[in-house]
Amino acid sequence: MIELIFLGTGATKPTIHRFTSSLAIRYGGEVILFDAGEGIQIRIAQSGFSVSKIEKIFITHFHGDHVLGIPGILYTLAKNKRKKDLHLYGPKGLEEIVYHMRRCSYGRIPFRVVIHELEPGDIVKAQGYEIKTFKVDHGEKALGYMFVEPERWNVNKEKMKEYGLKPHPKFKLLKEWKEVEIQGILLKPEEWLIRVPGGTIAYTGDTQFSEKVVKAVRGVDLLIHEATYLEKDKEEFELGHSSAKDAATVAKLAGVRYLFLTHISQRYRDPSPLLEEARAIFQNTFLAKDLLKVILKKGKVMIVEE
């Protein structure tokens, strides 16, 4: 099970309704942050996720609405007397950005901030999951990220019922692809195990429509794509961003299961037209909002709080 919460879903500058870009994934007791917009500590406190559980922060690019929350997180962790390392990942230039942020702030950081500069195609391997990077179209260095849960093998419950078997400690060995004997029955992994695919979540950060993004996110369970504006308003916005129509087109071409729209411009006090525009192309679209919680389990999405 992958638990996701949107911490900031607005574009450019925070409002009382939408803070700037950030989302968190909780998996296996660890919290992984993607982007850290201004004031995002408030949303973390409201979310029920613990700032002390943050192990890694992935930054898509260096615009202020994606990075200005980093100093606050560092100094909150310092006040909480954190000792273990904090790992920050992002495009080339991240080390310099964090260096200058720390120079502009006062106070000692009693833990090590480990910087990892990434390029498209890099894979960060962690305990029980991977983070893959891909190229987006928002300046030269901007990255998107994909959270990948590995596949696993479960014992076939129908077969257990057929043979009258109940859960057994030896099932652990069976899942390690070893033959075991239970109640006089020889269990072979290839006959008793069924494959359970892992979940996948892709997050674009900022991007305009890109065939590279379509290719990178093909077949993912949950795509989080920016949708700054409506298609009719495109000429009023800077290049490098997407309309709701663009986001839905990516989702349709890539064959994803679910699409969540984020990075909504503050001009849309009522964002429902963006959802309507996207659903005209890709029906399984949802509009993200701050503190929206989503669970991804066995390829299915459940919204647990709206």
C-alpha atoms as a PDB file:
ATOM      1  CA  MET A   1       0.000   0.000   0.000  1.00  0.00           C
ATOM      2  CA  ILE A   2       1.260   3.462  -0.962  1.00  0.00           C
ATOM      3  CA  GLU A   3      -0.158   6.462   0.886  1.00  0.00           C
ATOM      4  CA  LEU A   4      -0.011   9.843  -0.830  1.00  0.00           C
ATOM      5  CA  ILE A   5      -0.961  13.301   0.386  1.00  0.00           C
ATOM      6  CA  PHE A   6      -0.981  16.547  -1.571  1.00  0.00           C
ATOM      7  CA  LEU A   7       0.633  19.244   0.568  1.00  0.00           C
ATOM      8  CA  GLY A   8       0.615  22.076  -1.947  1.00  0.00           C
ATOM      9  CA  THR A   9      -1.337  22.183  -5.211  1.00  0.00           C
ATOM     10  CA  GLY A  10      -1.118  25.819  -6.291  1.00  0.00           C
ATOM     11  CA  ALA A  11       1.041  27.588  -8.855  1.00  0.00           C
ATOM     12  CA  THR A  12       3.601  30.382  -8.425  1.00  0.00           C
ATOM     13  CA  LYS A  13       2.497  31.829  -5.089  1.00  0.00           C
ATOM     14  CA  PRO A  14       0.656  30.432  -2.049  1.00  0.00           C
ATOM     15  CA  THR A  15      -2.932  31.324  -1.196  1.00  0.00           C
ATOM     16  CA  ILE A  16      -4.956  30.406   1.869  1.00  0.00           C
ATOM     17  CA  HIS A  17      -6.543  27.596  -0.141  1.00  0.00           C
ATOM     18  CA  ARG A  18      -3.587  26.286  -2.119  1.00  0.00           C
ATOM     19  CA  PHE A  19       0.022  26.316  -0.967  1.00  0.00           C
ATOM     20  CA  THR A  20       2.739  25.905  -3.589  1.00  0.00           C
ATOM     21  CA  SER A  21       4.023  22.618  -4.931  1.00  0.00           C
ATOM     22  CA  SER A  22       4.690  19.705  -2.632  1.00  0.00           C
ATOM     23  CA  LEU A  23       3.449  16.177  -2.094  1.00  0.00           C
ATOM     24  CA  ALA A  24       4.446  13.372   0.221  1.00  0.00           C
ATOM     25  CA  ILE A  25       4.448   9.601  -0.070  1.00  0.00           C
ATOM     26  CA  ARG A  26       4.399   7.438   3.040  1.00  0.00           C
ATOM     27  CA  TYR A  27       5.659   3.933   2.444  1.00  0.00           C
ATOM     28  CA  GLY A  28       6.986   1.397   4.922  1.00  0.00           C
ATOM     29  CA  GLY A  29       7.097   3.950   7.724  1.00  0.00           C
ATOM     30  CA  GLU A  30       9.191   6.381   5.678  1.00  0.00           C
ATOM     31  CA  VAL A  31       8.028   9.752   4.323  1.00  0.00           C
ATOM     32  CA  ILE A  32       9.384  10.888   0.955  1.00  0.00           C
ATOM     33  CA  LEU A  33       8.803  14.504  -0.057  1.00  0.00           C
ATOM     34  CA  PHE A  34       8.543  15.677  -3.654  1.00  0.00           C
ATOM     35  CA  ASP A  35       9.184  19.422  -3.983  1.00  0.00           C
ATOM     36  CA  ALA A  36       9.005  21.790  -1.021  1.00  0.00           C
ATOM     37  CA  GLY A  37       7.136  25.003  -1.715  1.00  0.00           C
ATOM     38  CA  GLU A  38       6.987  27.986   0.618  1.00  0.00           C
ATOM     39  CA  GLY A  39       5.527  27.351   4.076  1.00  0.00           C
ATOM     40  CA  ILE A  40       4.950  23.675   3.424  1.00  0.00           C
ATOM     41  CA  GLN A  41       5.747  22.840   7.064  1.00  0.00           C
ATOM     42  CA  ILE A  42       2.241  24.022   7.942  1.00  0.00           C
ATOM     43  CA  ARG A  43       0.673  21.507   5.568  1.00  0.00           C
ATOM     44  CA  ILE A  44       2.933  18.740   6.882  1.00  0.00           C
ATOM     45  CA  ALA A  45       1.741  19.513  10.419  1.00  0.00           C
ATOM     46  CA  GLN A  46      -1.879  19.420   9.231  1.00  0.00           C
ATOM     47  CA  SER A  47      -1.424  16.217   7.244  1.00  0.00           C
ATOM     48  CA  GLY A  48      -0.789  13.780  10.053  1.00  0.00           C
ATOM     49  CA  PHE A  49       2.559  12.895   8.486  1.00  0.00           C
ATOM     50  CA  SER A  50       5.561  13.475  10.753  1.00  0.00           C
ATOM     51  CA  VAL A  51       8.303  15.822   9.557  1.00  0.00           C
ATOM     52  CA  SER A  52      10.764  13.694  11.532  1.00  0.00           C
ATOM     53  CA  LYS A  53       9.945  10.712   9.296  1.00  0.00           C
ATOM     54  CA  ILE A  54      11.156  12.508   6.168  1.00  0.00           C
ATOM     55  CA  GLU A  55      14.167  10.595   4.843  1.00  0.00           C
ATOM     56  CA  LYS A  56      14.422  11.976   1.320  1.00  0.00           C
ATOM     57  CA  ILE A  57      13.361  15.132  -0.541  1.00  0.00           C
ATOM     58  CA  PHE A  58      13.196  15.093  -4.347  1.00  0.00           C
ATOM     59  CA  ILE A  59      13.210  18.471  -6.122  1.00  0.00           C
ATOM     60  CA  THR A  60      11.972  18.760  -9.718  1.00  0.00           C
ATOM     61  CA  HIS A  61      13.530  22.178 -10.471  1.00  0.00           C
ATOM     62  CA  PHE A  62      14.669  25.347  -8.737  1.00  0.00           C
ATOM     63  CA  HIS A  63      11.817  27.826  -9.130  1.00  0.00           C
ATOM     64  CA  GLY A  64      10.826  29.340  -5.794  1.00  0.00           C
ATOM     65  CA  ASP A  65       7.407  27.724  -5.603  1.00  0.00           C
ATOM     66  CA  HIS A  66       9.146  24.335  -5.526  1.00  0.00           C
ATOM     67  CA  VAL A  67      12.131  24.969  -3.223  1.00  0.00           C
ATOM     68  CA  LEU A  68      11.501  27.839  -0.779  1.00  0.00           C
ATOM     69  CA  GLY A  69      10.249  25.448   1.896  1.00  0.00           C
ATOM     70  CA  ILE A  70      13.594  23.653   2.165  1.00  0.00           C
ATOM     71  CA  PRO A  71      15.243  25.997   4.752  1.00  0.00           C
ATOM     72  CA  GLY A  72      12.221  25.782   7.048  1.00  0.00           C
ATOM     73  CA  ILE A  73      12.227  21.993   6.936  1.00  0.00           C
ATOM     74  CA  LEU A  74      15.956  21.875   7.696  1.00  0.00           C
ATOM     75  CA  TYR A  75      15.650  24.141  10.712  1.00  0.00           C
ATOM     76  CA  THR A  76      12.536  22.427  12.026  1.00  0.00           C
ATOM     77  CA  LEU A  77      14.412  19.131  11.926  1.00  0.00           C
ATOM     78  CA  ALA A  78      17.337  20.815  13.680  1.00  0.00           C
ATOM     79  CA  LYS A  79      15.053  22.085  16.463  1.00  0.00           C
ATOM     80  CA  ASN A  80      13.703  18.541  16.743  1.00  0.00           C
ATOM     81  CA  LYS A  81      17.306  17.432  17.399  1.00  0.00           C
ATOM     82  CA  ARG A  82      17.545  15.220  14.374  1.00  0.00           C
ATOM     83  CA  LYS A  83      20.820  13.328  14.128  1.00  0.00           C
ATOM     84  CA  LYS A  84      20.469  11.058  11.093  1.00  0.00           C
ATOM     85  CA  ASP A  85      21.262  12.144   7.568  1.00  0.00           C
ATOM     86  CA  LEU A  86      18.712  13.840   5.324  1.00  0.00           C
ATOM     87  CA  HIS A  87      19.053  13.098   1.609  1.00  0.00           C
ATOM     88  CA  LEU A  88      18.153  15.753  -0.991  1.00  0.00           C
ATOM     89  CA  TYR A  89      17.850  14.831  -4.661  1.00  0.00           C
ATOM     90  CA  GLY A  90      17.430  17.064  -7.677  1.00  0.00           C
ATOM     91  CA  PRO A  91      18.873  18.295 -10.976  1.00  0.00           C
ATOM     92  CA  LYS A  92      22.443  19.499 -11.323  1.00  0.00           C
ATOM     93  CA  GLY A  93      22.864  22.725  -9.386  1.00  0.00           C
ATOM     94  CA  LEU A  94      21.053  21.464  -6.278  1.00  0.00           C
ATOM     95  CA  GLU A  95      24.206  21.531  -4.161  1.00  0.00           C
ATOM     96  CA  GLU A  96      24.783  25.218  -4.935  1.00  0.00           C
ATOM     97  CA  ILE A  97      21.132  26.088  -4.267  1.00  0.00           C
ATOM     98  CA  VAL A  98      21.147  24.400  -0.853  1.00  0.00           C
ATOM     99  CA  TYR A  99      24.526  25.932   0.011  1.00  0.00           C
ATOM    100  CA  HIS A 100      23.227  29.471  -0.541  1.00  0.00           C
ATOM    101  CA  MET A 101      19.977  28.728   1.298  1.00  0.00           C
ATOM    102  CA  ARG A 102      21.951  27.648   4.333  1.00  0.00           C
ATOM    103  CA  ARG A 103      24.211  30.701   4.150  1.00  0.00           C
ATOM    104  CA  CYS A 104      21.166  32.999   4.156  1.00  0.00           C
ATOM    105  CA  SER A 105      19.754  31.308   7.260  1.00  0.00           C
ATOM    106  CA  TYR A 106      21.065  31.354  10.802  1.00  0.00           C
ATOM    107  CA  GLY A 107      21.351  28.378  13.077  1.00  0.00           C
ATOM    108  CA  ARG A 108      23.261  25.140  13.241  1.00  0.00           C
ATOM    109  CA  ILE A 109      22.145  22.011  11.388  1.00  0.00           C
ATOM    110  CA  PRO A 110      23.198  19.091  13.632  1.00  0.00           C
ATOM    111  CA  PHE A 111      22.751  16.444  10.947  1.00  0.00           C
ATOM    112  CA  ARG A 112      24.320  15.789   7.580  1.00  0.00           C
ATOM    113  CA  VAL A 113      22.486  17.040   4.471  1.00  0.00           C
ATOM    114  CA  VAL A 114      23.522  14.694   1.674  1.00  0.00           C
ATOM    115  CA  ILE A 115      23.082  16.113  -1.839  1.00  0.00           C
ATOM    116  CA  HIS A 116      22.486  13.882  -4.855  1.00  0.00           C
ATOM    117  CA  GLU A 117      22.425  15.545  -8.272  1.00  0.00           C
ATOM    118  CA  LEU A 118      20.498  13.557 -10.849  1.00  0.00           C
ATOM    119  CA  GLU A 119      19.991  13.353 -14.595  1.00  0.00           C
ATOM    120  CA  PRO A 120      17.112  11.905 -16.627  1.00  0.00           C
ATOM    121  CA  GLY A 121      17.242   8.124 -16.565  1.00  0.00           C
ATOM    122  CA  ASP A 122      18.880   7.866 -13.139  1.00  0.00           C
ATOM    123  CA  ILE A 123      17.390   5.399 -10.662  1.00  0.00           C
ATOM    124  CA  VAL A 124      17.524   5.825  -6.884  1.00  0.00           C
ATOM    125  CA  LYS A 125      17.267   2.408  -5.241  1.00  0.00           C
ATOM    126  CA  ALA A 126      15.946   2.291  -1.676  1.00  0.00           C
ATOM    127  CA  GLN A 127      14.658  -0.289   0.777  1.00  0.00           C
ATOM    128  CA  GLY A 128      11.537  -1.707  -0.858  1.00  0.00           C
ATOM    129  CA  TYR A 129      11.106   0.798  -3.696  1.00  0.00           C
ATOM    130  CA  GLU A 130      12.817   2.727  -6.498  1.00  0.00           C
ATOM    131  CA  ILE A 131      12.603   6.331  -7.703  1.00  0.00           C
ATOM    132  CA  LYS A 132      13.166   6.794 -11.434  1.00  0.00           C
ATOM    133  CA  THR A 133      13.881  10.154 -13.060  1.00  0.00           C
ATOM    134  CA  PHE A 134      12.631  11.349 -16.435  1.00  0.00           C
ATOM    135  CA  LYS A 135      12.918  14.479 -18.574  1.00  0.00           C
ATOM    136  CA  VAL A 136      10.125  17.051 -18.602  1.00  0.00           C
ATOM    137  CA  ASP A 137       9.769  20.180 -20.735  1.00  0.00           C
ATOM    138  CA  HIS A 138      10.304  23.068 -18.318  1.00  0.00           C
ATOM    139  CA  GLY A 139      13.772  24.402 -18.869  1.00  0.00           C
ATOM    140  CA  GLU A 140      16.970  22.491 -19.399  1.00  0.00           C
ATOM    141  CA  LYS A 141      17.356  20.799 -16.024  1.00  0.00           C
ATOM    142  CA  ALA A 142      13.823  20.047 -14.806  1.00  0.00           C
ATOM    143  CA  LEU A 143      13.045  16.451 -13.847  1.00  0.00           C
ATOM    144  CA  GLY A 144       9.997  14.312 -13.215  1.00  0.00           C
ATOM    145  CA  TYR A 145       9.962  11.381 -10.815  1.00  0.00           C
ATOM    146  CA  MET A 146       8.362   7.960 -10.719  1.00  0.00           C
ATOM    147  CA  PHE A 147       7.857   5.992  -7.497  1.00  0.00           C
ATOM    148  CA  VAL A 148       8.013   2.255  -8.235  1.00  0.00           C
ATOM    149  CA  GLU A 149       6.903  -0.390  -5.783  1.00  0.00           C
ATOM    150  CA  PRO A 150       8.379  -3.819  -6.600  1.00  0.00           C
ATOM    151  CA  GLU A 151       6.188  -6.751  -7.519  1.00  0.00           C
ATOM    152  CA  ARG A 152       5.707  -9.453  -4.914  1.00  0.00           C
ATOM    153  CA  TRP A 153       4.390 -12.982  -4.686  1.00  0.00           C
ATOM    154  CA  ASN A 154       1.452 -14.109  -2.555  1.00  0.00           C
ATOM    155  CA  VAL A 155       0.198 -17.586  -1.774  1.00  0.00           C
ATOM    156  CA  ASN A 156      -2.880 -18.457  -3.816  1.00  0.00           C
ATOM    157  CA  LYS A 157      -5.781 -18.209  -1.319  1.00  0.00           C
ATOM    158  CA  GLU A 158      -8.132 -20.205  -3.523  1.00  0.00           C
ATOM    159  CA  LYS A 159      -5.675 -23.061  -3.579  1.00  0.00           C
ATOM    160  CA  MET A 160      -5.221 -22.814   0.203  1.00  0.00           C
ATOM    161  CA  LYS A 161      -8.986 -23.145   0.611  1.00  0.00           C
ATOM    162  CA  GLU A 162      -9.097 -26.085  -1.803  1.00  0.00           C
ATOM    163  CA  TYR A 163      -6.450 -27.996   0.180  1.00  0.00           C
ATOM    164  CA  GLY A 164      -7.682 -26.864   3.594  1.00  0.00           C
ATOM    165  CA  LEU A 165      -4.502 -24.971   4.438  1.00  0.00           C
ATOM    166  CA  LYS A 166      -4.270 -22.018   6.795  1.00  0.00           C
ATOM    167  CA  PRO A 167      -1.498 -19.360   6.989  1.00  0.00           C
ATOM    168  CA  HIS A 168       1.764 -21.019   8.007  1.00  0.00           C
ATOM    169  CA  PRO A 169       5.288 -19.781   8.895  1.00  0.00           C
ATOM    170  CA  LYS A 170       6.667 -21.863   6.019  1.00  0.00           C
ATOM    171  CA  PHE A 171       4.863 -19.614   3.549  1.00  0.00           C
ATOM    172  CA  LYS A 172       7.772 -17.201   4.023  1.00  0.00           C
ATOM    173  CA  LEU A 173      10.125 -19.794   2.540  1.00  0.00           C
ATOM    174  CA  LEU A 174       7.673 -20.453  -0.263  1.00  0.00           C
ATOM    175  CA  LYS A 175       7.736 -16.744  -1.158  1.00  0.00           C
ATOM    176  CA  GLU A 176      11.523 -17.032  -1.322  1.00  0.00           C
ATOM    177  CA  TRP A 177      10.898 -19.495  -4.130  1.00  0.00           C
ATOM    178  CA  LYS A 178      11.704 -22.617  -2.074  1.00  0.00           C
ATOM    179  CA  GLU A 179       9.664 -25.810  -2.003  1.00  0.00           C
ATOM    180  CA  VAL A 180       8.060 -26.559   1.377  1.00  0.00           C
ATOM    181  CA  GLU A 181       5.967 -29.352   2.821  1.00  0.00           C
ATOM    182  CA  ILE A 182       2.912 -28.586   4.958  1.00  0.00           C
ATOM    183  CA  GLN A 183       0.530 -31.249   6.309  1.00  0.00           C
ATOM    184  CA  GLY A 184       2.073 -33.783   3.962  1.00  0.00           C
ATOM    185  CA  ILE A 185       1.500 -31.572   0.909  1.00  0.00           C
ATOM    186  CA  LEU A 186       4.490 -30.517  -1.210  1.00  0.00           C
ATOM    187  CA  LEU A 187       4.109 -26.877  -2.191  1.00  0.00           C
ATOM    188  CA  LYS A 188       6.044 -25.739  -5.255  1.00  0.00           C
ATOM    189  CA  PRO A 189       6.400 -21.962  -5.747  1.00  0.00           C
ATOM    190  CA  GLU A 190       5.489 -22.048  -9.442  1.00  0.00           C
ATOM    191  CA  GLU A 191       2.202 -23.795  -8.556  1.00  0.00           C
ATOM    192  CA  TRP A 192       1.238 -21.997  -5.352  1.00  0.00           C
ATOM    193  CA  LEU A 193       2.350 -18.397  -5.792  1.00  0.00           C
ATOM    194  CA  ILE A 194       0.574 -15.641  -7.718  1.00  0.00           C
ATOM    195  CA  ARG A 195       2.242 -12.457  -8.899  1.00  0.00           C
ATOM    196  CA  VAL A 196       1.076  -9.162  -7.370  1.00  0.00           C
ATOM    197  CA  PRO A 197       2.371  -6.176  -9.364  1.00  0.00           C
ATOM    198  CA  GLY A 198       3.674  -3.163  -7.454  1.00  0.00           C
ATOM    199  CA  GLY A 199       2.118   0.293  -7.648  1.00  0.00           C
ATOM    200  CA  THR A 200       3.571   3.159  -9.676  1.00  0.00           C
ATOM    201  CA  ILE A 201       3.145   6.920  -9.204  1.00  0.00           C
ATOM    202  CA  ALA A 202       4.561   9.500 -11.628  1.00  0.00           C
ATOM    203  CA  TYR A 203       4.941  13.185 -10.744  1.00  0.00           C
ATOM    204  CA  THR A 204       5.848  15.653 -13.486  1.00  0.00           C
ATOM    205  CA  GLY A 205       6.497  18.820 -11.533  1.00  0.00           C
ATOM    206  CA  ASP A 206       6.194  21.684 -14.035  1.00  0.00           C
ATOM    207  CA  THR A 207       6.082  20.837 -17.735  1.00  0.00           C
ATOM    208  CA  GLN A 208       4.397  21.739 -20.959  1.00  0.00           C
ATOM    209  CA  PHE A 209       2.985  18.934 -23.102  1.00  0.00           C
ATOM    210  CA  SER A 210       5.804  16.574 -23.997  1.00  0.00           C
ATOM    211  CA  GLU A 211       6.027  13.316 -25.930  1.00  0.00           C
ATOM    212  CA  LYS A 212       8.975  12.468 -23.672  1.00  0.00           C
ATOM    213  CA  VAL A 213       6.675  12.600 -20.666  1.00  0.00           C
ATOM    214  CA  VAL A 214       4.118  10.413 -22.460  1.00  0.00           C
ATOM    215  CA  LYS A 215       6.808   7.801 -23.068  1.00  0.00           C
ATOM    216  CA  ALA A 216       8.207   8.010 -19.524  1.00  0.00           C
ATOM    217  CA  VAL A 217       4.875   7.579 -17.713  1.00  0.00           C
ATOM    218  CA  ARG A 218       3.351   4.960 -19.993  1.00  0.00           C
ATOM    219  CA  GLY A 219       1.161   2.531 -18.081  1.00  0.00           C
ATOM    220  CA  VAL A 220       1.612   3.995 -14.591  1.00  0.00           C
ATOM    221  CA  ASP A 221      -1.165   3.576 -12.058  1.00  0.00           C
ATOM    222  CA  LEU A 222      -1.330   7.201 -10.950  1.00  0.00           C
ATOM    223  CA  LEU A 223      -0.102  10.231 -12.867  1.00  0.00           C
ATOM    224  CA  ILE A 224       0.206  13.601 -11.103  1.00  0.00           C
ATOM    225  CA  HIS A 225       0.459  16.171 -13.875  1.00  0.00           C
ATOM    226  CA  GLU A 226       0.491  19.932 -13.673  1.00  0.00           C
ATOM    227  CA  ALA A 227      -2.547  21.741 -15.131  1.00  0.00           C
ATOM    228  CA  THR A 228      -1.870  25.419 -14.583  1.00  0.00           C
ATOM    229  CA  TYR A 229      -4.620  26.786 -16.805  1.00  0.00           C
ATOM    230  CA  LEU A 230      -7.502  26.142 -19.180  1.00  0.00           C
ATOM    231  CA  GLU A 231      -6.706  25.646 -22.846  1.00  0.00           C
ATOM    232  CA  LYS A 232      -8.515  28.883 -23.784  1.00  0.00           C
ATOM    233  CA  ASP A 233      -6.195  30.865 -21.496  1.00  0.00           C
ATOM    234  CA  LYS A 234      -2.946  29.349 -22.792  1.00  0.00           C
ATOM    235  CA  GLU A 235      -1.655  32.513 -24.486  1.00  0.00           C
ATOM    236  CA  GLU A 236      -1.861  34.451 -21.218  1.00  0.00           C
ATOM    237  CA  PHE A 237       0.630  32.151 -19.460  1.00  0.00           C
ATOM    238  CA  GLU A 238       4.357  31.616 -19.837  1.00  0.00           C
ATOM    239  CA  LEU A 239       5.692  28.699 -21.839  1.00  0.00           C
ATOM    240  CA  GLY A 240       6.699  25.601 -19.928  1.00  0.00           C
ATOM    241  CA  HIS A 241       3.302  24.833 -18.423  1.00  0.00           C
ATOM    242  CA  SER A 242       0.302  22.683 -19.316  1.00  0.00           C
ATOM    243  CA  SER A 243      -3.418  23.161 -19.645  1.00  0.00           C
ATOM    244  CA  ALA A 244      -5.864  20.657 -18.195  1.00  0.00           C
ATOM    245  CA  LYS A 245      -6.356  19.459 -21.769  1.00  0.00           C
ATOM    246  CA  ASP A 246      -2.612  18.870 -22.130  1.00  0.00           C
ATOM    247  CA  ALA A 247      -2.482  16.833 -18.929  1.00  0.00           C
ATOM    248  CA  ALA A 248      -5.452  14.705 -19.967  1.00  0.00           C
ATOM    249  CA  THR A 249      -3.935  14.121 -23.398  1.00  0.00           C
ATOM    250  CA  VAL A 250      -0.742  12.830 -21.786  1.00  0.00           C
ATOM    251  CA  ALA A 251      -2.783  10.507 -19.561  1.00  0.00           C
ATOM    252  CA  LYS A 252      -4.767   9.159 -22.520  1.00  0.00           C
ATOM    253  CA  LEU A 253      -1.768   8.632 -24.797  1.00  0.00           C
ATOM    254  CA  ALA A 254       0.247   7.029 -22.000  1.00  0.00           C
ATOM    255  CA  GLY A 255      -2.548   4.670 -20.965  1.00  0.00           C
ATOM    256  CA  VAL A 256      -2.351   5.508 -17.261  1.00  0.00           C
ATOM    257  CA  ARG A 257      -5.068   4.422 -14.828  1.00  0.00           C
ATOM    258  CA  TYR A 258      -5.674   7.636 -12.884  1.00  0.00           C
ATOM    259  CA  LEU A 259      -4.823  11.296 -13.438  1.00  0.00           C
ATOM    260  CA  PHE A 260      -4.618  13.964 -10.728  1.00  0.00           C
ATOM    261  CA  LEU A 261      -4.359  17.613 -11.767  1.00  0.00           C
ATOM    262  CA  THR A 262      -2.173  19.914  -9.681  1.00  0.00           C
ATOM    263  CA  HIS A 263      -0.259  23.247  -9.897  1.00  0.00           C
ATOM    264  CA  ILE A 264      -3.528  25.147 -10.363  1.00  0.00           C
ATOM    265  CA  SER A 265      -3.271  28.882 -11.072  1.00  0.00           C
ATOM    266  CA  GLN A 266      -4.706  31.142  -8.368  1.00  0.00           C
ATOM    267  CA  ARG A 267      -6.811  32.880 -11.008  1.00  0.00           C
ATOM    268  CA  TYR A 268      -9.235  29.917 -10.902  1.00  0.00           C
ATOM    269  CA  ARG A 269     -11.124  30.380  -7.656  1.00  0.00           C
ATOM    270  CA  ASP A 270     -13.495  27.726  -8.939  1.00  0.00           C
ATOM    271  CA  PRO A 271     -11.212  25.107 -10.529  1.00  0.00           C
ATOM    272  CA  SER A 272     -14.037  22.813 -11.645  1.00  0.00           C
ATOM    273  CA  PRO A 273     -13.760  23.911 -15.320  1.00  0.00           C
ATOM    274  CA  LEU A 274     -10.243  22.439 -15.393  1.00  0.00           C
ATOM    275  CA  LEU A 275     -11.632  19.098 -14.249  1.00  0.00           C
ATOM    276  CA  GLU A 276     -14.367  19.277 -16.879  1.00  0.00           C
ATOM    277  CA  GLU A 277     -11.845  20.064 -19.603  1.00  0.00           C
ATOM    278  CA  ALA A 278      -9.666  17.119 -18.624  1.00  0.00           C
ATOM    279  CA  ARG A 279     -12.512  14.624 -18.217  1.00  0.00           C
ATOM    280  CA  ALA A 280     -13.729  15.365 -21.730  1.00  0.00           C
ATOM    281  CA  ILE A 281     -10.519  13.626 -22.850  1.00  0.00           C
ATOM    282  CA  PHE A 282      -9.635  11.311 -19.952  1.00  0.00           C
ATOM    283  CA  GLN A 283     -12.558  10.361 -17.740  1.00  0.00           C
ATOM    284  CA  ASN A 284     -10.573   8.966 -14.818  1.00  0.00           C
ATOM    285  CA  THR A 285      -9.308  12.416 -13.801  1.00  0.00           C
ATOM    286  CA  PHE A 286      -9.400  13.994 -10.348  1.00  0.00           C
ATOM    287  CA  LEU A 287      -8.593  17.497  -9.136  1.00  0.00           C
ATOM    288  CA  ALA A 288      -5.963  17.610  -6.426  1.00  0.00           C
ATOM    289  CA  LYS A 289      -6.345  19.956  -3.482  1.00  0.00           C
ATOM    290  CA  ASP A 290      -4.249  20.613  -0.409  1.00  0.00           C
ATOM    291  CA  LEU A 291      -4.405  17.809   2.164  1.00  0.00           C
ATOM    292  CA  LEU A 292      -6.172  15.403  -0.193  1.00  0.00           C
ATOM    293  CA  LYS A 293      -5.135  11.890   0.829  1.00  0.00           C
ATOM    294  CA  VAL A 294      -4.981   9.011  -1.616  1.00  0.00           C
ATOM    295  CA  ILE A 295      -4.166   5.339  -1.152  1.00  0.00           C
ATOM    296  CA  LEU A 296      -2.853   3.229  -4.020  1.00  0.00           C
ATOM    297  CA  LYS A 297      -3.255  -0.496  -3.415  1.00  0.00           C
ATOM    298  CA  LYS A 298      -3.163  -3.300  -5.971  1.00  0.00           C
ATOM    299  CA  GLY A 299      -3.456  -0.812  -8.805  1.00  0.00           C
ATOM    300  CA  LYS A 300      -6.585   0.837  -7.433  1.00  0.00           C
ATOM    301  CA  VAL A 301      -6.930   4.333  -6.012  1.00  0.00           C
ATOM    302  CA  MET A 302      -8.977   5.201  -2.954  1.00  0.00           C
ATOM    303  CA  ILE A 303      -9.502   8.813  -1.907  1.00  0.00           C
ATOM    304  CA  VAL A 304      -9.645   8.691   1.865  1.00  0.00           C
ATOM    305  CA  GLU A 305     -10.202  12.378   2.618  1.00  0.00           C
ATOM    306  CA  GLU A 306     -11.549  15.264   0.561  1.00  0.00           C
END
